[in-house]
PDB file of N, CA and C in Angstrom:
ATOM      1  N   UNK A   1      76.797 120.832 101.161  1.00  0.00           N
ATOM      2  CA  UNK A   1      78.179 120.384 101.276  1.00  0.00           C
ATOM      3  C   UNK A   1      78.234 118.879 101.015  1.00  0.00           C
ATOM      4  N   UNK A   2      79.313 118.438 100.388  1.00  0.00           N
ATOM      5  CA  UNK A   2      79.433 117.009 100.080  1.00  0.00           C
ATOM      6  C   UNK A   2      79.850 116.202 101.303  1.00  0.00           C
ATOM      7  N   UNK A   3      79.552 114.916 101.229  1.00  0.00           N
ATOM      8  CA  UNK A   3      80.047 113.982 102.232  1.00  0.00           C
ATOM      9  C   UNK A   3      81.552 113.866 102.014  1.00  0.00           C
ATOM     10  N   UNK A   4      82.301 113.950 103.100  1.00  0.00           N
ATOM     11  CA  UNK A   4      83.758 113.864 103.038  1.00  0.00           C
ATOM     12  C   UNK A   4      84.213 112.686 103.887  1.00  0.00           C
ATOM     13  N   UNK A   5      85.059 111.853 103.293  1.00  0.00           N
ATOM     14  CA  UNK A   5      85.617 110.715 104.005  1.00  0.00           C
ATOM     15  C   UNK A   5      87.115 110.957 104.146  1.00  0.00           C
ATOM     16  N   UNK A   6      87.547 111.139 105.380  1.00  0.00           N
ATOM     17  CA  UNK A   6      88.974 111.292 105.644  1.00  0.00           C
ATOM     18  C   UNK A   6      89.551 109.897 105.794  1.00  0.00           C
ATOM     19  N   UNK A   7      90.545 109.601 104.954  1.00  0.00           N
ATOM     20  CA  UNK A   7      91.156 108.282 104.955  1.00  0.00           C
ATOM     21  C   UNK A   7      92.654 108.408 104.778  1.00  0.00           C
ATOM     22  N   UNK A   8      93.322 107.267 104.826  1.00  0.00           N
ATOM     23  CA  UNK A   8      94.771 107.254 104.649  1.00  0.00           C
ATOM     24  C   UNK A   8      95.122 106.287 103.537  1.00  0.00           C
ATOM     25  N   UNK A   9      95.821 106.797 102.527  1.00  0.00           N
ATOM     26  CA  UNK A   9      96.253 105.935 101.426  1.00  0.00           C
ATOM     27  C   UNK A   9      97.455 105.096 101.831  1.00  0.00           C
ATOM     28  N   UNK A  10      98.068 105.440 102.960  1.00  0.00           N
ATOM     29  CA  UNK A  10      99.236 104.710 103.453  1.00  0.00           C
ATOM     30  C   UNK A  10      98.929 104.247 104.871  1.00  0.00           C
ATOM     31  N   UNK A  11      98.615 102.967 104.995  1.00  0.00           N
ATOM     32  CA  UNK A  11      98.340 102.416 106.317  1.00  0.00           C
ATOM     33  C   UNK A  11      98.815 100.982 106.359  1.00  0.00           C
ATOM     34  N   UNK A  12      99.522 100.640 107.402  1.00  0.00           N
ATOM     35  CA  UNK A  12      99.986  99.269 107.542  1.00  0.00           C
ATOM     36  C   UNK A  12      98.930  98.410 108.237  1.00  0.00           C
ATOM     37  N   UNK A  13      97.856  99.038 108.697  1.00  0.00           N
ATOM     38  CA  UNK A  13      96.797  98.336 109.402  1.00  0.00           C
ATOM     39  C   UNK A  13      95.757  97.839 108.398  1.00  0.00           C
ATOM     40  N   UNK A  14      95.687  96.531 108.227  1.00  0.00           N
ATOM     41  CA  UNK A  14      94.776  95.932 107.254  1.00  0.00           C
ATOM     42  C   UNK A  14      93.316  96.224 107.594  1.00  0.00           C
ATOM     43  N   UNK A  15      92.996  96.262 108.875  1.00  0.00           N
ATOM     44  CA  UNK A  15      91.622  96.526 109.289  1.00  0.00           C
ATOM     45  C   UNK A  15      91.181  97.924 108.857  1.00  0.00           C
ATOM     46  N   UNK A  16      92.053  98.920 109.016  1.00  0.00           N
ATOM     47  CA  UNK A  16      91.734 100.286 108.590  1.00  0.00           C
ATOM     48  C   UNK A  16      91.508 100.321 107.086  1.00  0.00           C
ATOM     49  N   UNK A  17      92.354  99.632 106.320  1.00  0.00           N
ATOM     50  CA  UNK A  17      92.186  99.598 104.869  1.00  0.00           C
ATOM     51  C   UNK A  17      90.841  98.991 104.484  1.00  0.00           C
ATOM     52  N   UNK A  18      90.459  97.915 105.156  1.00  0.00           N
ATOM     53  CA  UNK A  18      89.172  97.269 104.858  1.00  0.00           C
ATOM     54  C   UNK A  18      88.005  98.190 105.207  1.00  0.00           C
ATOM     55  N   UNK A  19      88.115  98.893 106.321  1.00  0.00           N
ATOM     56  CA  UNK A  19      87.051  99.825 106.715  1.00  0.00           C
ATOM     57  C   UNK A  19      86.902 100.930 105.677  1.00  0.00           C
ATOM     58  N   UNK A  20      88.022 101.484 105.228  1.00  0.00           N
ATOM     59  CA  UNK A  20      87.982 102.549 104.221  1.00  0.00           C
ATOM     60  C   UNK A  20      87.361 102.043 102.927  1.00  0.00           C
ATOM     61  N   UNK A  21      87.746 100.855 102.500  1.00  0.00           N
ATOM     62  CA  UNK A  21      87.192 100.286 101.271  1.00  0.00           C
ATOM     63  C   UNK A  21      85.692 100.049 101.395  1.00  0.00           C
ATOM     64  N   UNK A  22      85.267  99.566 102.555  1.00  0.00           N
ATOM     65  CA  UNK A  22      83.844  99.289 102.758  1.00  0.00           C
ATOM     66  C   UNK A  22      83.029 100.580 102.716  1.00  0.00           C
ATOM     67  N   UNK A  23      83.533 101.642 103.340  1.00  0.00           N
ATOM     68  CA  UNK A  23      82.830 102.925 103.298  1.00  0.00           C
ATOM     69  C   UNK A  23      82.678 103.394 101.854  1.00  0.00           C
ATOM     70  N   UNK A  24      83.778 103.371 101.103  1.00  0.00           N
ATOM     71  CA  UNK A  24      83.728 103.815  99.707  1.00  0.00           C
ATOM     72  C   UNK A  24      82.775 102.949  98.885  1.00  0.00           C
ATOM     73  N   UNK A  25      82.814 101.641  99.099  1.00  0.00           N
ATOM     74  CA  UNK A  25      81.958 100.727  98.346  1.00  0.00           C
ATOM     75  C   UNK A  25      80.479 100.991  98.635  1.00  0.00           C
ATOM     76  N   UNK A  26      80.135 101.162  99.904  1.00  0.00           N
ATOM     77  CA  UNK A  26      78.733 101.377 100.270  1.00  0.00           C
ATOM     78  C   UNK A  26      78.232 102.721  99.748  1.00  0.00           C
ATOM     79  N   UNK A  27      79.016 103.769  99.932  1.00  0.00           N
ATOM     80  CA  UNK A  27      78.592 105.086  99.427  1.00  0.00           C
ATOM     81  C   UNK A  27      78.413 105.058  97.914  1.00  0.00           C
ATOM     82  N   UNK A  28      79.343 104.417  97.214  1.00  0.00           N
ATOM     83  CA  UNK A  28      79.231 104.324  95.748  1.00  0.00           C
ATOM     84  C   UNK A  28      78.010 103.519  95.341  1.00  0.00           C
ATOM     85  N   UNK A  29      77.771 102.397  96.002  1.00  0.00           N
ATOM     86  CA  UNK A  29      76.642 101.539  95.634  1.00  0.00           C
ATOM     87  C   UNK A  29      75.303 102.223  95.878  1.00  0.00           C
ATOM     88  N   UNK A  30      75.260 103.113  96.868  1.00  0.00           N
ATOM     89  CA  UNK A  30      74.031 103.850  97.155  1.00  0.00           C
ATOM     90  C   UNK A  30      73.967 105.177  96.400  1.00  0.00           C
ATOM     91  N   UNK A  31      74.947 105.387  95.522  1.00  0.00           N
ATOM     92  CA  UNK A  31      75.021 106.580  94.682  1.00  0.00           C
ATOM     93  C   UNK A  31      75.013 107.870  95.513  1.00  0.00           C
ATOM     94  N   UNK A  32      75.742 107.825  96.632  1.00  0.00           N
ATOM     95  CA  UNK A  32      75.897 108.999  97.484  1.00  0.00           C
ATOM     96  C   UNK A  32      77.218 109.657  97.106  1.00  0.00           C
ATOM     97  N   UNK A  33      77.135 110.898  96.681  1.00  0.00           N
ATOM     98  CA  UNK A  33      78.324 111.631  96.272  1.00  0.00           C
ATOM     99  C   UNK A  33      79.214 111.886  97.485  1.00  0.00           C
ATOM    100  N   UNK A  34      80.526 111.648  97.324  1.00  0.00           N
ATOM    101  CA  UNK A  34      81.459 111.874  98.420  1.00  0.00           C
ATOM    102  C   UNK A  34      82.829 112.226  97.880  1.00  0.00           C
ATOM    103  N   UNK A  35      83.612 112.860  98.741  1.00  0.00           N
ATOM    104  CA  UNK A  35      84.996 113.205  98.418  1.00  0.00           C
ATOM    105  C   UNK A  35      85.900 112.504  99.421  1.00  0.00           C
ATOM    106  N   UNK A  36      87.015 111.994  98.941  1.00  0.00           N
ATOM    107  CA  UNK A  36      88.011 111.390  99.817  1.00  0.00           C
ATOM    108  C   UNK A  36      89.087 112.420 100.127  1.00  0.00           C
ATOM    109  N   UNK A  37      89.411 112.533 101.389  1.00  0.00           N
ATOM    110  CA  UNK A  37      90.459 113.444 101.852  1.00  0.00           C
ATOM    111  C   UNK A  37      91.579 112.568 102.422  1.00  0.00           C
ATOM    112  N   UNK A  38      92.732 112.556 101.762  1.00  0.00           N
ATOM    113  CA  UNK A  38      93.833 111.684 102.160  1.00  0.00           C
ATOM    114  C   UNK A  38      94.725 112.369 103.188  1.00  0.00           C
ATOM    115  N   UNK A  39      94.651 111.893 104.437  1.00  0.00           N
ATOM    116  CA  UNK A  39      95.448 112.498 105.502  1.00  0.00           C
ATOM    117  C   UNK A  39      96.920 112.090 105.433  1.00  0.00           C
ATOM    118  N   UNK A  40      97.229 111.038 104.663  1.00  0.00           N
ATOM    119  CA  UNK A  40      98.622 110.592 104.550  1.00  0.00           C
ATOM    120  C   UNK A  40      99.430 111.499 103.624  1.00  0.00           C
ATOM    121  N   UNK A  41      98.775 112.077 102.638  1.00  0.00           N
ATOM    122  CA  UNK A  41      99.491 112.900 101.673  1.00  0.00           C
ATOM    123  C   UNK A  41      99.431 114.394 102.003  1.00  0.00           C
ATOM    124  N   UNK A  42      98.639 114.754 103.018  1.00  0.00           N
ATOM    125  CA  UNK A  42      98.486 116.162 103.344  1.00  0.00           C
ATOM    126  C   UNK A  42      98.289 116.315 104.856  1.00  0.00           C
ATOM    127  N   UNK A  43      99.323 116.753 105.524  1.00  0.00           N
ATOM    128  CA  UNK A  43      99.284 116.920 106.986  1.00  0.00           C
ATOM    129  C   UNK A  43      98.176 117.883 107.414  1.00  0.00           C
ATOM    130  N   UNK A  44      97.879 118.875 106.577  1.00  0.00           N
ATOM    131  CA  UNK A  44      96.813 119.822 106.907  1.00  0.00           C
ATOM    132  C   UNK A  44      95.444 119.152 106.926  1.00  0.00           C
ATOM    133  N   UNK A  45      95.248 118.143 106.082  1.00  0.00           N
ATOM    134  CA  UNK A  45      93.982 117.402 106.080  1.00  0.00           C
ATOM    135  C   UNK A  45      93.814 116.653 107.397  1.00  0.00           C
ATOM    136  N   UNK A  46      94.910 116.048 107.880  1.00  0.00           N
ATOM    137  CA  UNK A  46      94.842 115.337 109.153  1.00  0.00           C
ATOM    138  C   UNK A  46      94.533 116.317 110.286  1.00  0.00           C
ATOM    139  N   UNK A  47      95.179 117.459 110.271  1.00  0.00           N
ATOM    140  CA  UNK A  47      94.926 118.479 111.296  1.00  0.00           C
ATOM    141  C   UNK A  47      93.482 118.964 111.229  1.00  0.00           C
ATOM    142  N   UNK A  48      92.972 119.171 110.014  1.00  0.00           N
ATOM    143  CA  UNK A  48      91.592 119.616 109.842  1.00  0.00           C
ATOM    144  C   UNK A  48      90.616 118.579 110.386  1.00  0.00           C
ATOM    145  N   UNK A  49      90.847 117.303 110.052  1.00  0.00           N
ATOM    146  CA  UNK A  49      89.981 116.225 110.524  1.00  0.00           C
ATOM    147  C   UNK A  49      89.930 116.223 112.051  1.00  0.00           C
ATOM    148  N   UNK A  50      91.090 116.284 112.671  1.00  0.00           N
ATOM    149  CA  UNK A  50      91.165 116.231 114.129  1.00  0.00           C
ATOM    150  C   UNK A  50      90.561 117.473 114.775  1.00  0.00           C
ATOM    151  N   UNK A  51      90.770 118.632 114.153  1.00  0.00           N
ATOM    152  CA  UNK A  51      90.213 119.880 114.679  1.00  0.00           C
ATOM    153  C   UNK A  51      88.692 119.854 114.618  1.00  0.00           C
ATOM    154  N   UNK A  52      88.141 119.430 113.479  1.00  0.00           N
ATOM    155  CA  UNK A  52      86.688 119.389 113.321  1.00  0.00           C
ATOM    156  C   UNK A  52      86.041 118.395 114.285  1.00  0.00           C
ATOM    157  N   UNK A  53      86.771 117.334 114.604  1.00  0.00           N
ATOM    158  CA  UNK A  53      86.256 116.325 115.524  1.00  0.00           C
ATOM    159  C   UNK A  53      86.438 116.728 116.979  1.00  0.00           C
ATOM    160  N   UNK A  54      87.443 117.566 117.222  1.00  0.00           N
ATOM    161  CA  UNK A  54      87.780 117.906 118.597  1.00  0.00           C
ATOM    162  C   UNK A  54      88.559 116.798 119.280  1.00  0.00           C
ATOM    163  N   UNK A  55      89.272 115.996 118.474  1.00  0.00           N
ATOM    164  CA  UNK A  55      90.043 114.865 119.001  1.00  0.00           C
ATOM    165  C   UNK A  55      91.441 114.905 118.388  1.00  0.00           C
ATOM    166  N   UNK A  56      92.451 115.302 119.165  1.00  0.00           N
ATOM    167  CA  UNK A  56      93.803 115.458 118.613  1.00  0.00           C
ATOM    168  C   UNK A  56      94.524 114.167 118.265  1.00  0.00           C
ATOM    169  N   UNK A  57      93.919 113.009 118.565  1.00  0.00           N
ATOM    170  CA  UNK A  57      94.585 111.739 118.261  1.00  0.00           C
ATOM    171  C   UNK A  57      93.755 110.837 117.346  1.00  0.00           C
ATOM    172  N   UNK A  58      92.683 111.367 116.774  1.00  0.00           N
ATOM    173  CA  UNK A  58      91.791 110.562 115.937  1.00  0.00           C
ATOM    174  C   UNK A  58      92.519 110.011 114.715  1.00  0.00           C
ATOM    175  N   UNK A  59      92.109 108.804 114.327  1.00  0.00           N
ATOM    176  CA  UNK A  59      92.666 108.146 113.147  1.00  0.00           C
ATOM    177  C   UNK A  59      91.565 107.944 112.111  1.00  0.00           C
ATOM    178  N   UNK A  60      91.937 107.897 110.840  1.00  0.00           N
ATOM    179  CA  UNK A  60      90.939 107.632 109.805  1.00  0.00           C
ATOM    180  C   UNK A  60      90.511 106.167 109.846  1.00  0.00           C
ATOM    181  N   UNK A  61      89.382 105.831 109.246  1.00  0.00           N
ATOM    182  CA  UNK A  61      88.499 106.720 108.497  1.00  0.00           C
ATOM    183  C   UNK A  61      87.512 107.460 109.401  1.00  0.00           C
ATOM    184  N   UNK A  62      87.225 108.701 109.015  1.00  0.00           N
ATOM    185  CA  UNK A  62      86.250 109.542 109.703  1.00  0.00           C
ATOM    186  C   UNK A  62      85.360 110.167 108.639  1.00  0.00           C
ATOM    187  N   UNK A  63      84.090 110.339 108.957  1.00  0.00           N
ATOM    188  CA  UNK A  63      83.116 110.786 107.963  1.00  0.00           C
ATOM    189  C   UNK A  63      82.471 112.099 108.407  1.00  0.00           C
ATOM    190  N   UNK A  64      82.360 113.010 107.444  1.00  0.00           N
ATOM    191  CA  UNK A  64      81.787 114.333 107.681  1.00  0.00           C
ATOM    192  C   UNK A  64      80.783 114.656 106.577  1.00  0.00           C
ATOM    193  N   UNK A  65      79.848 115.535 106.903  1.00  0.00           N
ATOM    194  CA  UNK A  65      79.024 116.172 105.886  1.00  0.00           C
ATOM    195  C   UNK A  65      79.506 117.608 105.866  1.00  0.00           C
ATOM    196  N   UNK A  66      80.322 117.936 104.881  1.00  0.00           N
ATOM    197  CA  UNK A  66      80.976 119.241 104.862  1.00  0.00           C
ATOM    198  C   UNK A  66      81.920 119.313 106.042  1.00  0.00           C
ATOM    199  N   UNK A  67      81.669 120.257 106.949  1.00  0.00           N
ATOM    200  CA  UNK A  67      82.500 120.394 108.150  1.00  0.00           C
ATOM    201  C   UNK A  67      81.811 119.823 109.389  1.00  0.00           C
ATOM    202  N   UNK A  68      80.683 119.168 109.204  1.00  0.00           N
ATOM    203  CA  UNK A  68      79.936 118.604 110.329  1.00  0.00           C
ATOM    204  C   UNK A  68      80.308 117.133 110.489  1.00  0.00           C
ATOM    205  N   UNK A  69      80.796 116.793 111.669  1.00  0.00           N
ATOM    206  CA  UNK A  69      81.225 115.422 111.932  1.00  0.00           C
ATOM    207  C   UNK A  69      80.034 114.483 112.022  1.00  0.00           C
ATOM    208  N   UNK A  70      80.094 113.384 111.266  1.00  0.00           N
ATOM    209  CA  UNK A  70      79.038 112.372 111.298  1.00  0.00           C
ATOM    210  C   UNK A  70      79.425 111.202 112.201  1.00  0.00           C
ATOM    211  N   UNK A  71      80.660 110.702 112.045  1.00  0.00           N
ATOM    212  CA  UNK A  71      81.088 109.589 112.874  1.00  0.00           C
ATOM    213  C   UNK A  71      82.231 108.807 112.267  1.00  0.00           C
ATOM    214  N   UNK A  72      82.608 107.750 112.981  1.00  0.00           N
ATOM    215  CA  UNK A  72      83.695 106.883 112.537  1.00  0.00           C
ATOM    216  C   UNK A  72      83.124 105.652 111.836  1.00  0.00           C
ATOM    217  N   UNK A  73      83.979 104.675 111.564  1.00  0.00           N
ATOM    218  CA  UNK A  73      83.532 103.488 110.844  1.00  0.00           C
ATOM    219  C   UNK A  73      82.467 102.722 111.609  1.00  0.00           C
ATOM    220  N   UNK A  74      82.644 102.551 112.910  1.00  0.00           N
ATOM    221  CA  UNK A  74      81.671 101.784 113.693  1.00  0.00           C
ATOM    222  C   UNK A  74      80.287 102.429 113.633  1.00  0.00           C
ATOM    223  N   UNK A  75      80.236 103.746 113.752  1.00  0.00           N
ATOM    224  CA  UNK A  75      78.960 104.448 113.674  1.00  0.00           C
ATOM    225  C   UNK A  75      78.364 104.336 112.269  1.00  0.00           C
ATOM    226  N   UNK A  76      79.227 104.403 111.252  1.00  0.00           N
ATOM    227  CA  UNK A  76      78.788 104.247 109.859  1.00  0.00           C
ATOM    228  C   UNK A  76      78.171 102.872 109.656  1.00  0.00           C
ATOM    229  N   UNK A  77      78.880 101.851 110.118  1.00  0.00           N
ATOM    230  CA  UNK A  77      78.409 100.477 109.946  1.00  0.00           C
ATOM    231  C   UNK A  77      77.075 100.256 110.668  1.00  0.00           C
ATOM    232  N   UNK A  78      76.948 100.824 111.860  1.00  0.00           N
ATOM    233  CA  UNK A  78      75.703 100.722 112.616  1.00  0.00           C
ATOM    234  C   UNK A  78      74.554 101.386 111.863  1.00  0.00           C
ATOM    235  N   UNK A  79      74.823 102.544 111.269  1.00  0.00           N
ATOM    236  CA  UNK A  79      73.799 103.255 110.495  1.00  0.00           C
ATOM    237  C   UNK A  79      73.366 102.437 109.284  1.00  0.00           C
ATOM    238  N   UNK A  80      74.309 101.782 108.630  1.00  0.00           N
ATOM    239  CA  UNK A  80      73.986 100.939 107.475  1.00  0.00           C
ATOM    240  C   UNK A  80      73.102  99.777 107.922  1.00  0.00           C
ATOM    241  N   UNK A  81      73.486  99.117 109.013  1.00  0.00           N
ATOM    242  CA  UNK A  81      72.723  97.975 109.514  1.00  0.00           C
ATOM    243  C   UNK A  81      71.308  98.379 109.920  1.00  0.00           C
ATOM    244  N   UNK A  82      71.162  99.580 110.473  1.00  0.00           N
ATOM    245  CA  UNK A  82      69.852 100.069 110.919  1.00  0.00           C
ATOM    246  C   UNK A  82      69.077 100.781 109.819  1.00  0.00           C
ATOM    247  N   UNK A  83      69.637 100.782 108.614  1.00  0.00           N
ATOM    248  CA  UNK A  83      69.029 101.456 107.466  1.00  0.00           C
ATOM    249  C   UNK A  83      68.771 102.930 107.756  1.00  0.00           C
ATOM    250  N   UNK A  84      69.760 103.571 108.399  1.00  0.00           N
ATOM    251  CA  UNK A  84      69.672 104.990 108.735  1.00  0.00           C
ATOM    252  C   UNK A  84      70.870 105.761 108.189  1.00  0.00           C
ATOM    253  N   UNK A  85      71.378 105.316 107.047  1.00  0.00           N
ATOM    254  CA  UNK A  85      72.585 105.924 106.500  1.00  0.00           C
ATOM    255  C   UNK A  85      72.386 107.397 106.162  1.00  0.00           C
ATOM    256  N   UNK A  86      71.277 107.737 105.532  1.00  0.00           N
ATOM    257  CA  UNK A  86      71.048 109.142 105.172  1.00  0.00           C
ATOM    258  C   UNK A  86      70.940 110.019 106.415  1.00  0.00           C
ATOM    259  N   UNK A  87      70.312 109.501 107.464  1.00  0.00           N
ATOM    260  CA  UNK A  87      70.225 110.239 108.724  1.00  0.00           C
ATOM    261  C   UNK A  87      71.631 110.427 109.314  1.00  0.00           C
ATOM    262  N   UNK A  88      72.426 109.360 109.313  1.00  0.00           N
ATOM    263  CA  UNK A  88      73.795 109.411 109.826  1.00  0.00           C
ATOM    264  C   UNK A  88      74.617 110.447 109.065  1.00  0.00           C
ATOM    265  N   UNK A  89      74.455 110.471 107.746  1.00  0.00           N
ATOM    266  CA  UNK A  89      75.224 111.391 106.895  1.00  0.00           C
ATOM    267  C   UNK A  89      74.644 112.804 106.872  1.00  0.00           C
ATOM    268  N   UNK A  90      73.532 112.995 107.564  1.00  0.00           N
ATOM    269  CA  UNK A  90      72.873 114.298 107.634  1.00  0.00           C
ATOM    270  C   UNK A  90      72.479 114.818 106.246  1.00  0.00           C
ATOM    271  N   UNK A  91      71.923 113.921 105.450  1.00  0.00           N
ATOM    272  CA  UNK A  91      71.501 114.279 104.084  1.00  0.00           C
ATOM    273  C   UNK A  91      70.037 114.674 104.052  1.00  0.00           C
TER     274      UNK A  91
END
């Protein structure tokens, strides 16, 4: 299953936008295949993200390997810093 990044194309929060961009940039630079799931354009995607996480109020960005939850931006950033990105992404 591919790495899936649930994000929002419509966000007034600059910090969320920067986090989403950083995730995409790092995954691309490491040549890790991923799909973006836009929760702003599809309410079902947001519901799916929250259901898979078990958190009815979760906000993007959230990262999954297929349907397996990997973590949020903070966990992603920590994995990058610790050079454990593949472990974090369950690859």
